[in-house]
Protein backbone atom coordinates (compact mmCIF):
# COMPACT_ATOMS: atom_id res chain seq x y z
CA MET A 1 61.10 -33.61 6.04
CA ALA A 2 59.64 -30.82 8.48
CA PRO A 3 56.07 -29.79 8.23
CA PRO A 4 54.87 -27.08 6.07
CA VAL A 5 54.97 -23.74 7.81
CA LEU A 6 50.82 -22.84 8.08
CA THR A 7 49.91 -20.57 4.93
CA HIS A 8 46.22 -19.40 6.73
CA LEU A 9 45.24 -19.41 10.30
CA GLY A 10 41.14 -20.41 9.84
CA LYS A 11 40.32 -17.95 7.11
CA HIS A 12 43.14 -15.51 7.26
CA THR A 13 46.18 -15.16 5.82
CA VAL A 14 49.35 -15.66 7.96
CA ALA A 15 50.51 -12.51 6.34
CA ARG A 16 47.56 -10.52 6.49
CA PHE A 17 47.28 -11.84 10.59
CA MET A 18 51.51 -10.63 10.82
CA ARG A 19 50.27 -7.32 9.33
CA GLU A 20 47.50 -6.81 11.43
CA ALA A 21 46.80 -8.48 14.50
CA TRP A 22 50.86 -9.40 15.68
CA GLN A 23 51.58 -7.35 18.75
CA ARG A 24 48.71 -4.91 18.12
CA ARG A 25 45.75 -6.65 19.46
CA PRO A 26 43.90 -10.27 20.41
CA LEU A 27 42.45 -12.45 17.35
CA LEU A 28 39.95 -15.41 17.38
CA ILE A 29 40.39 -17.60 14.78
CA ARG A 30 37.51 -20.32 14.79
CA ARG A 31 38.79 -23.61 13.34
CA ALA A 32 42.06 -22.18 12.81
CA LEU A 33 43.79 -25.58 12.20
CA PRO A 34 40.94 -27.45 10.10
CA ALA A 35 41.20 -31.43 11.03
CA PHE A 36 43.37 -31.01 14.25
CA VAL A 37 44.52 -33.96 16.23
CA SER A 38 46.10 -33.44 19.58
CA PRO A 39 49.97 -33.67 19.69
CA VAL A 40 49.48 -35.56 22.98
CA THR A 41 47.36 -37.22 25.54
CA ARG A 42 46.80 -36.60 28.82
CA GLU A 43 48.26 -40.06 30.12
CA GLN A 44 51.23 -38.88 28.02
CA LEU A 45 51.07 -35.68 29.71
CA PHE A 46 51.44 -37.33 33.54
CA GLU A 47 54.18 -39.50 32.26
CA LEU A 48 56.37 -36.34 31.05
CA ALA A 49 55.26 -34.90 34.69
CA ALA A 50 57.20 -37.44 35.98
CA HIS A 51 60.62 -36.78 34.50
CA ASP A 52 63.24 -34.92 36.03
CA ASP A 53 64.07 -33.01 33.02
CA VAL A 54 60.84 -31.78 32.48
CA GLU A 55 59.25 -28.92 33.32
CA SER A 56 56.19 -28.95 34.92
CA ARG A 57 53.77 -27.61 37.70
CA CYS A 58 50.43 -27.71 39.54
CA VAL A 59 47.87 -25.12 40.34
CA SER A 60 44.95 -25.93 42.47
CA ALA A 61 42.17 -24.08 44.03
CA PHE A 62 40.83 -26.09 46.08
CA ARG A 63 38.00 -24.43 48.71
CA GLY A 64 38.83 -20.71 46.94
CA HIS A 65 42.62 -21.46 48.00
CA TRP A 66 45.63 -21.34 45.49
CA ARG A 67 48.43 -23.48 45.40
CA LEU A 68 51.13 -24.10 43.66
CA ALA A 69 53.86 -27.31 43.39
CA HIS A 70 56.59 -27.98 41.27
CA GLY A 71 57.10 -31.32 39.51
CA PRO A 72 58.05 -33.90 38.99
CA PHE A 73 55.24 -35.79 40.06
CA GLU A 74 54.43 -39.45 40.11
CA ARG A 75 51.11 -39.62 38.88
CA SER A 76 50.21 -40.29 43.15
CA MET A 77 51.32 -36.81 44.05
CA LEU A 78 48.53 -35.24 41.76
CA PRO A 79 44.73 -34.86 42.68
CA PRO A 80 42.09 -37.18 41.06
CA LEU A 81 40.36 -36.65 38.18
CA ALA A 82 37.19 -36.21 39.53
CA ARG A 83 38.37 -33.18 41.97
CA ARG A 84 37.54 -30.31 40.05
CA ASN A 85 39.36 -26.67 40.07
CA TRP A 86 43.00 -27.90 39.18
CA THR A 87 45.20 -27.85 36.13
CA LEU A 88 48.80 -29.54 35.28
CA LEU A 89 51.40 -27.28 33.21
CA VAL A 90 53.97 -29.20 31.35
CA GLN A 91 56.45 -26.74 29.25
CA GLY A 92 58.71 -27.61 26.32
CA LEU A 93 55.89 -30.32 25.25
CA ASP A 94 57.96 -29.93 21.92
CA LEU A 95 61.31 -31.07 23.51
CA HIS A 96 59.83 -35.00 23.69
CA LEU A 97 57.25 -35.50 21.26
CA PRO A 98 57.56 -35.43 17.73
CA ALA A 99 54.36 -34.99 17.06
CA ALA A 100 54.61 -31.45 19.18
CA HIS A 101 57.72 -30.74 17.98
CA GLU A 102 55.94 -30.82 13.92
CA LEU A 103 53.02 -28.76 15.50
CA LEU A 104 55.98 -26.04 16.66
CA GLN A 105 57.29 -26.42 13.29
CA ARG A 106 54.01 -25.32 11.68
CA PHE A 107 54.24 -21.49 13.06
CA ARG A 108 57.75 -20.68 11.83
CA PHE A 109 56.08 -17.72 9.99
CA VAL A 110 57.39 -16.24 13.14
CA ALA A 111 61.17 -16.14 13.53
CA ASP A 112 63.18 -18.43 15.52
CA ALA A 113 64.65 -15.88 17.71
CA ARG A 114 61.24 -14.77 19.31
CA LEU A 115 60.54 -18.80 19.89
CA ASP A 116 59.92 -19.67 23.71
CA ASP A 117 58.29 -23.29 23.80
CA LEU A 118 55.23 -25.06 23.21
CA MET A 119 53.28 -25.29 27.14
CA ALA A 120 50.03 -28.16 27.64
CA SER A 121 48.10 -26.99 30.26
CA TYR A 122 45.66 -30.31 31.38
CA ALA A 123 42.92 -28.82 33.59
CA THR A 124 39.60 -30.40 35.37
CA ASP A 125 36.64 -29.00 35.18
CA GLY A 126 36.64 -25.80 36.65
CA GLY A 127 40.74 -25.83 36.24
CA GLY A 128 42.69 -22.55 35.41
CA VAL A 129 45.68 -20.72 36.75
CA GLY A 130 43.43 -17.50 37.40
CA PRO A 131 43.48 -14.25 35.75
CA HIS A 132 46.56 -12.72 34.69
CA VAL A 133 49.12 -11.28 32.04
CA ASP A 134 51.77 -12.68 30.37
CA SER A 135 54.98 -11.04 28.84
CA TYR A 136 55.10 -12.51 25.83
CA ASP A 137 52.71 -12.99 22.29
CA VAL A 138 51.22 -16.43 22.75
CA PHE A 139 48.72 -19.20 20.55
CA LEU A 140 46.39 -20.82 22.37
CA ILE A 141 45.00 -23.93 20.70
CA GLN A 142 42.15 -26.00 21.73
CA ALA A 143 43.43 -29.03 21.65
CA HIS A 144 40.59 -31.00 23.78
CA GLY A 145 37.72 -30.64 25.40
CA ARG A 146 36.74 -26.61 25.63
CA ARG A 147 37.75 -23.88 27.79
CA ARG A 148 35.94 -20.47 28.30
CA TRP A 149 38.31 -18.12 27.97
CA ARG A 150 37.56 -14.13 29.09
CA ILE A 151 40.37 -10.85 27.92
CA SER A 152 40.25 -7.59 29.14
CA GLY A 153 42.17 -4.23 27.65
CA GLN A 154 42.42 -2.74 31.56
CA ARG A 155 46.01 -0.84 32.72
CA ASP A 156 45.07 -1.75 36.11
CA LEU A 157 47.63 -5.17 36.68
CA GLY A 158 47.71 -4.61 40.65
CA LEU A 159 48.00 -8.51 42.17
CA VAL A 160 46.47 -10.03 44.95
CA ASP A 161 48.56 -10.32 47.57
CA GLY A 162 49.80 -12.99 49.81
CA LEU A 163 49.29 -15.83 46.32
CA PRO A 164 51.88 -18.25 44.93
CA LEU A 165 50.37 -16.85 41.54
CA ALA A 166 50.44 -13.91 40.00
CA ILE A 167 46.92 -12.93 39.65
CA LEU A 168 44.83 -10.08 39.20
CA ALA A 169 43.65 -8.49 41.73
CA ASP A 170 40.70 -6.62 39.54
CA PHE A 171 40.07 -8.48 36.76
CA ARG A 172 37.40 -6.68 34.71
CA PRO A 173 36.23 -9.06 31.44
CA SER A 174 35.57 -6.69 28.09
CA ALA A 175 34.91 -10.15 26.12
CA GLU A 176 34.49 -13.80 26.25
CA TRP A 177 34.47 -16.86 24.01
CA VAL A 178 34.14 -20.51 24.28
CA LEU A 179 36.71 -22.41 22.19
CA GLU A 180 36.74 -26.04 21.42
CA PRO A 181 39.29 -28.35 19.23
CA GLY A 182 40.86 -26.48 16.24
CA ASP A 183 40.07 -23.11 17.49
CA LEU A 184 42.91 -20.76 18.18
CA LEU A 185 42.89 -16.97 20.23
CA TYR A 186 45.93 -15.07 20.00
CA LEU A 187 46.95 -12.78 22.64
CA PRO A 188 50.03 -10.12 22.55
CA PRO A 189 51.84 -9.25 25.62
CA GLY A 190 50.08 -7.39 28.16
CA VAL A 191 46.40 -8.16 28.00
CA ALA A 192 44.80 -9.46 30.94
CA HIS A 193 43.28 -12.81 30.27
CA ASP A 194 41.75 -15.88 32.37
CA GLY A 195 40.82 -19.26 31.09
CA VAL A 196 38.66 -21.46 32.70
CA ALA A 197 38.18 -25.30 31.45
CA LEU A 198 34.66 -26.66 31.05
CA GLY A 199 34.88 -30.19 32.03
CA GLU A 200 38.29 -31.69 31.01
CA CYS A 201 40.03 -29.97 28.33
CA ILE A 202 43.87 -29.88 27.15
CA THR A 203 45.05 -26.39 25.87
CA LEU A 204 48.14 -25.66 24.20
CA SER A 205 49.82 -22.30 24.44
CA VAL A 206 52.97 -21.73 21.60
CA GLY A 207 54.67 -18.96 23.45
CA PHE A 208 57.11 -15.98 21.65
CA ARG A 209 59.43 -14.65 23.94
CA ALA A 210 59.41 -10.89 23.91
CA PRO A 211 62.48 -10.37 25.97
CA ALA A 212 63.06 -7.49 28.26
CA TRP A 213 66.20 -5.20 27.43
CA GLN A 214 67.59 -5.38 31.02
CA GLU A 215 67.57 -9.23 30.42
CA LEU A 216 68.97 -9.13 27.05
CA VAL A 217 71.89 -6.71 27.86
CA GLU A 218 72.99 -8.11 30.84
CA PRO A 219 75.23 -11.29 30.16
CA TRP A 220 76.49 -8.37 27.90
CA PHE A 221 77.96 -6.13 30.39
CA LEU A 222 79.60 -9.27 32.23
CA GLN A 223 81.20 -10.56 29.41
CA GLN A 224 82.32 -7.36 28.71
CA ALA A 225 83.63 -6.67 32.01
CA ASP A 226 85.84 -9.91 31.69
CA ARG A 227 87.17 -8.77 28.11
CA THR A 228 88.18 -5.27 28.76
CA ARG A 229 91.06 -4.17 30.38
CA LEU A 230 91.70 -0.30 30.76
CA ALA A 231 95.83 0.01 31.25
CA GLY A 232 96.98 2.92 33.73
CA ARG A 233 95.61 3.97 36.41
CA TYR A 234 93.86 7.60 38.07
CA GLY A 235 96.33 10.14 38.53
CA ASP A 236 95.70 14.37 39.73
CA PRO A 237 99.48 15.52 39.24
CA GLY A 238 99.37 19.42 39.88
CA ALA A 239 95.71 19.07 41.95
CA PRO A 240 95.41 22.17 44.04
CA PRO A 241 93.95 22.30 47.20
CA THR A 242 90.50 21.87 47.76
CA ARG A 243 88.32 23.32 50.44
CA ARG A 244 85.42 20.97 49.59
CA PRO A 245 86.74 17.64 50.16
CA GLY A 246 83.63 15.92 50.17
CA ARG A 247 82.69 17.23 46.61
CA LEU A 248 83.61 14.61 43.65
CA PRO A 249 86.41 16.36 41.48
CA ALA A 250 85.17 17.33 38.30
CA ALA A 251 88.29 16.50 36.95
CA MET A 252 88.01 12.54 38.17
CA VAL A 253 84.57 12.46 36.36
CA GLU A 254 85.72 14.00 33.33
CA GLU A 255 88.66 11.35 32.82
CA THR A 256 86.60 8.43 33.83
CA TRP A 257 84.00 9.77 31.31
CA GLN A 258 86.23 9.59 28.65
CA ARG A 259 87.87 5.99 29.80
CA LEU A 260 83.90 4.72 29.47
CA SER A 261 82.83 6.71 26.38
CA ARG A 262 85.40 4.62 24.41
CA LEU A 263 84.02 1.58 25.19
CA GLN A 264 80.71 1.82 22.92
CA PRO A 265 79.34 -1.19 21.62
CA ARG A 266 79.85 -2.03 18.01
CA ARG A 267 76.91 -3.44 15.65
CA SER A 268 78.74 -6.49 15.84
CA ASP A 269 78.81 -6.86 19.40
CA ALA A 270 74.39 -6.50 19.36
CA VAL A 271 74.39 -9.42 16.99
CA GLU A 272 76.69 -11.50 19.03
CA MET A 273 74.80 -10.54 21.88
CA LEU A 274 71.91 -11.91 20.26
CA LEU A 275 72.67 -15.14 18.78
CA ALA A 276 74.43 -15.98 21.95
CA GLN A 277 71.18 -15.19 24.27
CA LEU A 278 68.38 -16.34 21.85
CA THR A 279 70.27 -19.90 21.41
CA GLU A 280 70.98 -20.13 24.85
CA PRO A 281 69.03 -23.64 25.84
CA LYS A 282 66.89 -23.90 28.78
CA PRO A 283 68.22 -24.71 32.26
CA GLN A 284 66.37 -28.33 32.00
CA VAL A 285 68.05 -29.26 28.56
CA ILE A 286 69.79 -32.21 28.61
CA PHE A 287 71.54 -33.23 24.57
CA ASP A 288 71.72 -37.06 24.34
CA ARG A 289 75.62 -37.77 23.37
CA PRO A 290 75.53 -40.79 20.90
CA ARG A 291 76.50 -44.17 21.96
CA ARG A 292 78.84 -44.94 19.80
CA PRO A 293 79.39 -41.44 17.42
CA PRO A 294 81.69 -41.69 14.38
CA ASP A 295 85.13 -40.83 14.34
CA PHE A 296 86.58 -38.10 12.39
CA ALA A 297 87.36 -40.14 9.41
CA ALA A 298 84.49 -42.10 9.33
CA PHE A 299 82.18 -38.91 9.46
CA SER A 300 84.38 -36.81 7.11
CA LEU A 301 84.26 -40.68 4.28
CA ALA A 302 80.43 -40.66 4.79
CA ALA A 303 80.15 -37.07 3.43
CA ALA A 304 82.58 -37.29 0.94
CA ARG A 305 80.73 -40.69 -0.46
CA GLY A 306 77.43 -38.20 -0.46
CA ARG A 307 75.80 -40.94 2.24
CA LEU A 308 76.03 -38.31 5.04
CA HIS A 309 72.49 -36.55 5.99
CA LEU A 310 72.31 -34.39 9.10
CA HIS A 311 69.65 -32.98 10.82
CA ALA A 312 69.36 -30.50 14.02
CA ASP A 313 68.27 -31.95 17.40
CA PRO A 314 65.19 -31.21 18.53
CA ARG A 315 66.29 -29.22 21.21
CA SER A 316 68.97 -27.42 19.49
CA ARG A 317 68.95 -23.88 18.73
CA CYS A 318 70.35 -22.33 15.74
CA LEU A 319 69.95 -19.04 14.19
CA TYR A 320 72.45 -16.63 12.36
CA ALA A 321 73.01 -13.07 10.95
CA GLY A 322 75.01 -12.19 8.19
CA ARG A 323 78.49 -14.12 8.63
CA ARG A 324 77.85 -14.97 12.47
CA PHE A 325 76.16 -18.23 13.32
CA ALA A 326 74.90 -19.78 16.82
CA ILE A 327 74.33 -23.03 17.90
CA ASN A 328 73.40 -23.79 21.51
CA GLY A 329 74.79 -20.81 22.84
CA GLU A 330 77.83 -20.86 20.92
CA VAL A 331 78.78 -18.08 18.73
CA CYS A 332 80.86 -19.54 15.73
CA PRO A 333 83.43 -17.60 15.06
CA PRO A 334 83.36 -15.49 11.07
CA THR A 335 86.25 -17.19 10.07
CA ALA A 336 84.59 -20.27 10.23
CA PHE A 337 81.18 -19.23 8.57
CA ASP A 338 80.09 -21.54 5.63
CA PRO A 339 76.69 -20.84 3.08
CA ARG A 340 75.32 -24.27 4.73
CA LEU A 341 74.99 -22.85 8.22
CA PRO A 342 72.05 -20.49 7.42
CA ARG A 343 70.82 -24.04 5.62
CA LEU A 344 70.95 -25.68 9.04
CA ALA A 345 69.54 -23.36 10.61
CA ASP A 346 66.03 -22.37 8.47
CA ALA A 347 65.80 -25.85 7.60
CA ARG A 348 66.97 -28.04 10.28
CA GLN A 349 68.86 -30.06 8.32
CA LEU A 350 71.61 -30.98 5.68
CA ASP A 351 71.05 -33.37 3.26
CA ALA A 352 73.50 -35.46 1.47
CA ASP A 353 74.37 -33.36 -1.44
CA SER A 354 75.29 -30.18 0.36
CA LEU A 355 77.83 -31.99 2.52
CA ARG A 356 79.76 -33.85 -0.56
CA ALA A 357 81.64 -31.36 -1.16
CA ALA A 358 81.77 -29.78 2.51
CA PRO A 359 84.93 -28.02 4.11
CA THR A 360 87.22 -30.04 6.71
CA ALA A 361 86.36 -27.17 8.59
CA LEU A 362 82.73 -27.01 8.65
CA LEU A 363 82.57 -31.04 9.07
CA GLN A 364 84.94 -30.23 12.18
CA LEU A 365 82.33 -28.04 13.64
CA LEU A 366 79.44 -30.69 12.34
CA HIS A 367 81.96 -33.35 13.77
CA GLU A 368 81.86 -31.41 16.78
CA TRP A 369 78.40 -30.62 17.47
CA LEU A 370 77.06 -34.44 16.51
CA VAL A 371 79.13 -35.47 19.20
CA ALA A 372 77.57 -33.40 21.97
CA GLY A 373 74.23 -34.58 20.89
CA TRP A 374 73.02 -31.07 19.33
CA LEU A 375 73.04 -33.01 15.42
CA HIS A 376 72.21 -36.26 14.06
CA ALA A 377 73.23 -38.16 12.04
CA ALA A 378 71.31 -40.47 8.96
CA LYS A 379 73.15 -42.44 6.60
CA GLU A 380 71.69 -42.55 3.24
């Protein structure tokens, strides 16, 4: 069973937080997660950082010189624990540790369309990534040890030249706090901030992307170029001789504009674009296909007998809008829509009762996704 979605962050109701702070202002919440237990240990982070399918980075500031290295890292490649001023960052923690995935599920009071991932930052004393600005919303949860955070509302976001990291050249903090386990700091996009470890610590970052419009529409334009076929060819029969051959003919401009104006996007194009873009897994995500998946006949029989329970792989992204549904970048046509699919996206599972009377077309889709490793089955 999925963990309950948070209704409170400390003394703040989630509804009040969303109304007053979300996308508006930074907010420190002491003991936001009472009885909080870190979903990851230092040893687990080091182990994950050694894997090819895990995105990891090591940031150090030894003798005042910033360095950035990308994983995977064998343990011998990381600095010694006794050395100050270094940080190990591990992205997508929720994709690899069940406890981290469960923590992330508690933040589903924000739409999945905005969700990025859960990142862990392990740091020795003095470690950090320098003062910087993020383009996404983030909940910074102190999981182990202590970290000092400073923030600024400054508009000067100029960067230090020649560094491998985007570090602000003139950081002017206006507020400062020390976070302890269970404390949470929310930051909307664009707020300058700097976190420094006070002794060994682990900080978790629940990130919610605020995608740039350019990032969203570029794939759609490429898709339109593949789909669109404009018949015919430009012509200008009867055109008079020109005395200004270097000027673009007004008739050519008008004809071209008329052709382009017919390509106006529809609302359904926006829906399909968002579904495809926001469910696309990150490049390093690899799904584990089942070694011996059931054939479709056995799969259908288990569903008909009420013995089939399906749940989405933690790495799968599912979204829906109206009668459109997408999973992992694949948008299903409206004719394939079934009311059970939104339930799969919301609950991340389909129970045996809902599958008992499922139509063949839906079962075929679900079976394909199970074979691909996007869904997993449990007999009941």
